[in-house]
Structures are given as structure tokens and as C-alpha cells.
Amino acid sequence: MKPSPILIAALLMGTALSPACAADTAPAADTSPQGAPHGSAGQEDPAFGHALTLVELFVRAASKSEDPKASAQAFDELLAGRNPEANQAFSGLFEDATTGMSPQYRERVAAIARDLAGMARKEAAKAPTAPPVSAEHALQARKDLAAMGLRYYDQGQFLDAVRRDDALAVELYLQGRGVNPSARDAQGRTALDIARANKNTQVAELLARNLPAAR
């Protein structure tokens, strides 16, 4: 198969071809009848199958949007060569896309792919966080909570707001900066745990963006 520009671009942007990936996977076998070109009538293109597998895996990782940290970790697993299914697809796509290339060109493509994977891992590790709240906005949030009969520093009231799916109150508590979003209730659950148990994606995403950065 002659490597198309689209396939090469997908390979360079997606493949992790790290030493771990290369060691854990074998080149994909050519299952086409001898002498039959890839993609001929009545046959599925193996490269398309590998690319489809990778798209599914990356979309699955991105779908964990209610927890940016979990999503970033899933992306890192894919790009670091720690996902066997992704490794198999990466290897097959690389073999198919570089068929006919000289060893020198194949190594250059693999090196570029490794560098791009490293860059992608760094970007994936940057979990989105909420923008900092100004003192003025924090003060206004405290006033709004008081108008609702709530105390901006009351951890119990904050968790109660999460339990009743009160997104407005939860946002005001986070802006008021008087509670610890990582604190746990008597059952050992954090506010994020409660929101997930309630299947409230809006509140869960709001809490995830405001969690303190891991050290």
C-alpha cells in the first residue's frame, strides 16, 4: 500500500511508538491474498481498521470529560505505550503506512512520531482548571450565598448543595473560596464523589475544574 498523506498525518499525530510500545507489539500480519493489493474490491483495508481502533480509543478517553484528570491519565496511557490494544493498532498502522520505505526513512518517521507523542503527553497532562477568582468576585459570591441564607464558609451546607444538585449554590461556594472542595463527608465521600453518584455531569465538571492541583 502506498502511504497516503492522510495516513501519514494520522500516524505522526497519533502513534506513540515508544520503546515500550515497540517491545510489546509485533508487526501486524498481512492477511491479504498473495499479490492482492490492500483495499481491493471485497476486502477491508487493514490500515483503516487500525485507524478506526485508535479513533475509538482516543474518543473513549476524551469522553471522560466530567473528570479532566481521569481523561488526561487515559490519554497518557495511550501515548505512553501502556495500552495493548492501542499498541497493536499503532504497530499495524506504522507497518502499513511505511511499506516500501527505506529503513532510514522508516526510522525517521518513527522518531518524529515518538517526539510528537512526547509533546502530546505533556499537553494531555495539563488538565483544565478553572480561572482564578478575583477578590471582587469572591466577595460578591459570599454576598449572594448570604442572600440565599447560606454561609460561604460552611462545609456542611456546601456538601448539601452538591447532594441536592444545586449547581448555582455550588458555583457560588467555589467562587467564595470559603470551603475545601476536596473535603470529605462522614461517609468519606468528596463533593465530586457525591456529584458522580447523583450522575450530575454539570456539577461534577464544575467541581473537577476547581480541585487543587496534585503535588
Protein backbone atom coordinates (compact mmCIF):
# COMPACT_ATOMS: atom_id res chain seq x y z
CA MET A 1 0.00 0.00 0.00
CA LYS A 2 1.34 3.41 -0.92
CA PRO A 3 1.20 5.63 2.18
CA SER A 4 -1.27 8.47 1.66
CA PRO A 5 -0.69 11.94 3.16
CA ILE A 6 -3.73 11.49 5.41
CA LEU A 7 -2.47 8.16 6.72
CA ILE A 8 1.00 9.53 7.35
CA ALA A 9 -0.51 12.53 9.18
CA ALA A 10 -2.63 10.23 11.32
CA LEU A 11 0.41 8.13 12.08
CA LEU A 12 2.55 11.09 13.08
CA MET A 13 -0.13 12.72 15.21
CA GLY A 14 -1.35 9.58 16.90
CA THR A 15 1.30 6.92 17.18
CA ALA A 16 3.24 6.50 20.39
CA LEU A 17 5.90 4.11 19.05
CA SER A 18 7.88 4.39 22.26
CA PRO A 19 10.43 1.70 23.16
CA ALA A 20 7.77 0.10 25.38
CA CYS A 21 5.26 0.08 22.55
CA ALA A 22 7.74 -1.34 20.08
CA ALA A 23 8.77 -4.07 22.51
CA ASP A 24 5.24 -5.10 23.41
CA THR A 25 3.81 -5.37 19.90
CA ALA A 26 4.69 -7.37 16.83
CA PRO A 27 4.25 -6.12 13.27
CA ALA A 28 0.73 -6.64 12.01
CA ALA A 29 0.41 -9.68 9.76
CA ASP A 30 -0.60 -9.21 6.14
CA THR A 31 -3.79 -11.18 5.74
CA SER A 32 -4.38 -10.20 2.11
CA PRO A 33 -4.14 -12.94 -0.54
CA GLN A 34 -0.72 -13.08 -2.14
CA GLY A 35 -0.44 -10.49 -4.85
CA ALA A 36 -3.70 -8.76 -3.98
CA PRO A 37 -3.37 -5.03 -3.20
CA HIS A 38 -4.75 -3.59 0.01
CA GLY A 39 -8.16 -2.04 -0.30
CA SER A 40 -9.15 -4.08 -3.37
CA ALA A 41 -12.81 -4.80 -4.03
CA GLY A 42 -14.44 -7.04 -1.42
CA GLN A 43 -11.63 -6.57 1.09
CA GLU A 44 -11.35 -4.28 4.08
CA ASP A 45 -8.33 -2.00 4.32
CA PRO A 46 -6.30 -3.07 7.39
CA ALA A 47 -4.93 0.45 7.80
CA PHE A 48 -8.46 1.84 8.06
CA GLY A 49 -9.25 -0.75 10.73
CA HIS A 50 -6.18 0.26 12.75
CA ALA A 51 -7.02 3.97 12.40
CA LEU A 52 -10.62 3.32 13.42
CA THR A 53 -9.45 1.48 16.53
CA LEU A 54 -7.24 4.42 17.50
CA VAL A 55 -10.05 6.92 16.96
CA GLU A 56 -12.33 4.85 19.19
CA LEU A 57 -9.72 4.67 21.95
CA PHE A 58 -8.97 8.39 21.89
CA VAL A 59 -12.66 9.32 21.78
CA ARG A 60 -13.27 6.99 24.71
CA ALA A 61 -10.54 8.75 26.67
CA ALA A 62 -11.91 12.18 25.77
CA SER A 63 -15.41 11.15 26.86
CA LYS A 64 -14.27 11.19 30.49
CA SER A 65 -14.83 14.94 30.45
CA GLU A 66 -16.52 15.02 33.86
CA ASP A 67 -13.10 14.23 35.34
CA PRO A 68 -10.31 16.07 33.46
CA LYS A 69 -7.63 14.27 35.47
CA ALA A 70 -9.00 10.83 34.53
CA SER A 71 -9.20 11.93 30.90
CA ALA A 72 -5.58 13.15 30.96
CA GLN A 73 -4.48 9.87 32.53
CA ALA A 74 -6.30 7.87 29.86
CA PHE A 75 -4.58 9.87 27.12
CA ASP A 76 -1.22 9.31 28.80
CA GLU A 77 -1.83 5.54 28.89
CA LEU A 78 -2.44 5.58 25.15
CA LEU A 79 0.52 7.78 24.26
CA ALA A 80 2.99 6.09 26.61
CA GLY A 81 2.52 2.63 25.10
CA ARG A 82 0.75 1.17 28.13
CA ASN A 83 -2.44 0.21 26.29
CA PRO A 84 -2.04 -3.17 24.49
CA GLU A 85 -4.96 -2.56 22.12
CA ALA A 86 -3.57 0.83 21.10
CA ASN A 87 -0.08 -0.64 20.73
CA GLN A 88 -1.37 -3.27 18.31
CA ALA A 89 -3.18 -0.65 16.23
CA PHE A 90 -0.20 1.72 16.26
CA SER A 91 2.12 -1.07 15.14
CA GLY A 92 -0.18 -2.22 12.35
CA LEU A 93 -0.72 1.33 11.12
CA PHE A 94 3.01 2.02 11.12
CA GLU A 95 3.79 -1.16 9.18
CA ASP A 96 1.08 -0.46 6.62
CA ALA A 97 1.94 3.22 6.19
CA THR A 98 5.69 2.71 5.80
CA THR A 99 5.62 -0.28 3.46
CA GLY A 100 8.17 0.30 0.74
CA MET A 101 10.10 2.92 2.66
CA SER A 102 13.82 2.53 3.19
CA PRO A 103 14.94 1.62 6.74
CA GLN A 104 16.37 5.11 7.15
CA TYR A 105 13.04 6.76 6.30
CA ARG A 106 11.12 4.33 8.49
CA GLU A 107 13.32 5.23 11.45
CA ARG A 108 12.91 8.95 10.78
CA VAL A 109 9.12 8.58 10.70
CA ALA A 110 9.23 6.57 13.94
CA ALA A 111 11.48 9.18 15.60
CA ILE A 112 9.13 12.02 14.61
CA ALA A 113 6.19 10.01 15.92
CA ARG A 114 7.94 9.44 19.25
CA ASP A 115 8.69 13.16 19.59
CA LEU A 116 5.08 14.08 18.75
CA ALA A 117 3.81 11.53 21.25
CA GLY A 118 6.01 13.08 23.93
CA MET A 119 4.66 16.52 23.12
CA ALA A 120 1.09 15.21 23.19
CA ARG A 121 1.68 13.61 26.60
CA LYS A 122 2.82 16.93 28.02
CA GLU A 123 -0.28 18.67 26.69
CA ALA A 124 -2.60 15.91 27.91
CA ALA A 125 -1.10 16.20 31.38
CA LYS A 126 -2.26 19.80 31.59
CA ALA A 127 -5.74 19.14 33.00
CA PRO A 128 -8.02 22.14 32.51
CA THR A 129 -8.56 24.20 35.61
CA ALA A 130 -10.96 26.97 36.46
CA PRO A 131 -9.64 30.52 36.02
CA PRO A 132 -8.66 32.26 39.27
CA VAL A 133 -11.44 34.13 41.04
CA SER A 134 -10.79 37.77 41.82
CA ALA A 135 -11.32 39.15 45.31
CA GLU A 136 -14.23 41.18 43.99
CA HIS A 137 -15.98 38.13 42.56
CA ALA A 138 -15.31 36.14 45.72
CA LEU A 139 -16.90 38.87 47.82
CA GLN A 140 -19.93 39.04 45.54
CA ALA A 141 -20.32 35.24 45.70
CA ARG A 142 -20.31 35.42 49.51
CA LYS A 143 -23.00 38.10 49.43
CA ASP A 144 -25.11 36.02 47.04
CA LEU A 145 -24.81 33.00 49.34
CA ALA A 146 -25.82 35.09 52.32
CA ALA A 147 -28.87 36.30 50.38
CA MET A 148 -29.78 32.63 49.88
CA GLY A 149 -29.50 32.00 53.62
CA LEU A 150 -26.18 30.16 53.26
CA ARG A 151 -22.78 30.69 54.90
CA TYR A 152 -19.90 30.79 52.44
CA TYR A 153 -17.58 29.00 54.89
CA ASP A 154 -20.00 26.20 55.88
CA GLN A 155 -18.61 22.90 54.60
CA GLY A 156 -21.77 21.02 55.51
CA GLN A 157 -24.01 23.43 53.58
CA PHE A 158 -21.65 23.17 50.62
CA LEU A 159 -21.94 19.37 50.54
CA ASP A 160 -25.71 19.64 50.99
CA ALA A 161 -25.84 21.86 47.90
CA VAL A 162 -23.97 19.18 45.96
CA ARG A 163 -26.36 16.48 47.23
CA ARG A 164 -29.42 18.39 46.05
CA ASP A 165 -27.81 19.17 42.68
CA ASP A 166 -27.85 22.92 43.30
CA ALA A 167 -25.34 23.96 40.64
CA LEU A 168 -25.76 27.68 41.33
CA ALA A 169 -25.00 27.34 45.05
CA VAL A 170 -22.06 25.01 44.36
CA GLU A 171 -20.57 27.53 41.93
CA LEU A 172 -21.01 30.35 44.43
CA TYR A 173 -19.34 28.31 47.17
CA LEU A 174 -16.36 27.65 44.91
CA GLN A 175 -16.14 31.31 43.93
CA GLY A 176 -16.49 32.41 47.55
CA ARG A 177 -13.36 30.41 48.45
CA GLY A 178 -14.60 29.59 51.93
CA VAL A 179 -14.83 25.79 51.63
CA ASN A 180 -12.47 22.98 50.74
CA PRO A 181 -13.77 21.19 47.62
CA SER A 182 -11.61 18.16 48.45
CA ALA A 183 -13.02 17.68 51.97
CA ARG A 184 -14.97 14.52 52.75
CA ASP A 185 -18.28 13.94 54.47
CA ALA A 186 -19.00 11.47 57.31
CA GLN A 187 -19.13 8.62 54.77
CA GLY A 188 -15.72 9.54 53.37
CA ARG A 189 -17.07 10.95 50.10
CA THR A 190 -15.85 14.15 48.48
CA ALA A 191 -18.17 16.61 46.77
CA LEU A 192 -17.04 15.18 43.43
CA ASP A 193 -17.90 11.64 44.59
CA ILE A 194 -21.39 12.81 45.54
CA ALA A 195 -21.95 14.58 42.22
CA ARG A 196 -20.89 11.49 40.29
CA ALA A 197 -23.15 9.28 42.40
CA ASN A 198 -26.01 11.66 41.53
CA LYS A 199 -24.98 11.41 37.85
CA ASN A 200 -24.89 15.20 37.73
CA THR A 201 -22.35 15.89 35.00
CA GLN A 202 -22.64 19.68 35.25
CA VAL A 203 -21.78 19.78 38.96
CA ALA A 204 -19.12 17.08 38.57
CA GLU A 205 -17.31 19.03 35.85
CA LEU A 206 -17.56 22.22 37.89
CA LEU A 207 -16.02 20.54 40.92
CA ALA A 208 -13.31 18.78 38.89
CA ARG A 209 -12.14 22.10 37.42
CA ASN A 210 -11.82 23.60 40.89
CA LEU A 211 -9.93 20.83 42.63
CA PRO A 212 -6.45 21.83 43.82
CA ALA A 213 -3.61 20.68 41.60
CA ALA A 214 -1.94 17.45 42.67
CA ARG A 215 1.56 17.83 44.04
